[in-house]
Amino acid sequence: MEMCKPGRHPIRGSRDRLPNGGCRECDREAQAKHRAKRQAALAWIRALEARGVHVDPDDLTLSFGGVTASTEAIADRMVSRWGDLVE
């Protein structure tokens, strides 16, 4: 039986492959990991904001003040910068 490139999942047919040729199950696992990391980052940002700390989405600095930042943008940047620290 054919296996995906990393050798973790069987490839039984075209349904197991993405249009780019990658393994659909490997992609599903990678997306799930990313979502979990992003949710953790969002929870952290919301907890900071609830305590009056502002997180700047451009340089990830923390400040106190009335400026509102997008928690979604900050979470994405945190995952891209430090996502490998959370498993």
Protein backbone atom coordinates (compact mmCIF):
# COMPACT_ATOMS: atom_id res chain seq x y z
CA MET A 1 0.00 0.00 0.00
CA GLU A 2 1.26 3.48 -0.85
CA MET A 3 2.00 5.75 2.11
CA CYS A 4 2.20 9.54 2.31
CA LYS A 5 5.61 11.19 2.03
CA PRO A 6 6.25 11.24 5.82
CA GLY A 7 5.04 7.62 5.94
CA ARG A 8 2.29 8.18 8.50
CA HIS A 9 -0.89 7.66 6.45
CA PRO A 10 -1.98 5.22 3.75
CA ILE A 11 -2.83 6.71 0.36
CA ARG A 12 -5.68 4.64 -1.03
CA GLY A 13 -6.62 6.93 -3.88
CA SER A 14 -7.17 10.50 -5.03
CA ARG A 15 -9.46 11.24 -2.05
CA ASP A 16 -6.41 10.93 0.24
CA ARG A 17 -4.46 13.59 -1.69
CA LEU A 18 -4.85 17.35 -1.86
CA PRO A 19 -4.88 19.11 -5.26
CA ASN A 20 -1.19 19.97 -4.70
CA GLY A 21 -0.37 16.26 -4.17
CA GLY A 22 0.06 16.47 -0.39
CA CYS A 23 -1.47 14.07 2.08
CA ARG A 24 -4.94 15.15 3.16
CA GLU A 25 -4.55 13.58 6.62
CA CYS A 26 -1.15 15.23 7.25
CA ASP A 27 -2.71 18.56 6.27
CA ARG A 28 -5.67 17.95 8.59
CA GLU A 29 -3.30 17.22 11.48
CA ALA A 30 -1.19 20.33 10.75
CA GLN A 31 -4.31 22.51 10.61
CA ALA A 32 -5.55 21.09 13.93
CA LYS A 33 -2.20 21.87 15.59
CA HIS A 34 -2.26 25.40 14.21
CA ARG A 35 -5.84 25.97 15.45
CA ALA A 36 -4.91 24.75 18.94
CA LYS A 37 -1.90 27.08 19.08
CA ARG A 38 -3.95 29.99 17.79
CA GLN A 39 -6.69 29.37 20.38
CA ALA A 40 -4.07 29.35 23.15
CA ALA A 41 -2.64 32.64 21.86
CA LEU A 42 -6.12 34.19 21.68
CA ALA A 43 -6.87 33.11 25.25
CA TRP A 44 -3.63 34.71 26.43
CA ILE A 45 -4.37 37.96 24.58
CA ARG A 46 -7.92 38.12 25.92
CA ALA A 47 -6.68 37.52 29.46
CA LEU A 48 -4.16 40.36 29.10
CA GLU A 49 -6.77 42.69 27.64
CA ALA A 50 -9.23 41.85 30.41
CA ARG A 51 -6.60 43.12 32.83
CA GLY A 52 -6.09 46.39 30.93
CA VAL A 53 -2.95 45.40 29.04
CA HIS A 54 -2.86 46.36 25.37
CA VAL A 55 -0.99 44.13 22.90
CA ASP A 56 0.22 45.90 19.74
CA PRO A 57 -0.31 43.56 16.75
CA ASP A 58 2.57 45.05 14.73
CA ASP A 59 5.46 44.56 17.13
CA LEU A 60 3.79 42.51 19.90
CA THR A 61 4.57 45.11 22.55
CA LEU A 62 2.37 45.37 25.61
CA SER A 63 1.08 48.74 26.81
CA PHE A 64 -1.59 50.26 28.98
CA GLY A 65 -4.00 52.62 27.26
CA GLY A 66 -7.16 52.98 25.26
CA VAL A 67 -5.82 51.83 21.89
CA THR A 68 -7.63 48.73 20.65
CA ALA A 69 -5.78 46.02 18.72
CA SER A 70 -7.15 43.09 16.78
CA THR A 71 -6.77 39.99 18.94
CA GLU A 72 -7.05 37.86 15.81
CA ALA A 73 -4.04 39.55 14.20
CA ILE A 74 -2.00 39.28 17.38
CA ALA A 75 -2.81 35.58 17.76
CA ASP A 76 -1.74 34.89 14.17
CA ARG A 77 1.54 36.74 14.69
CA MET A 78 2.18 34.92 17.99
CA VAL A 79 1.65 31.55 16.34
CA SER A 80 3.89 32.45 13.40
CA ARG A 81 6.60 33.76 15.72
CA TRP A 82 6.42 31.34 18.66
CA GLY A 83 4.05 28.55 17.57
CA ASP A 84 6.83 25.98 17.69
CA LEU A 85 7.04 26.49 21.49
CA VAL A 86 3.56 25.02 22.03
CA GLU A 87 2.87 21.42 21.14
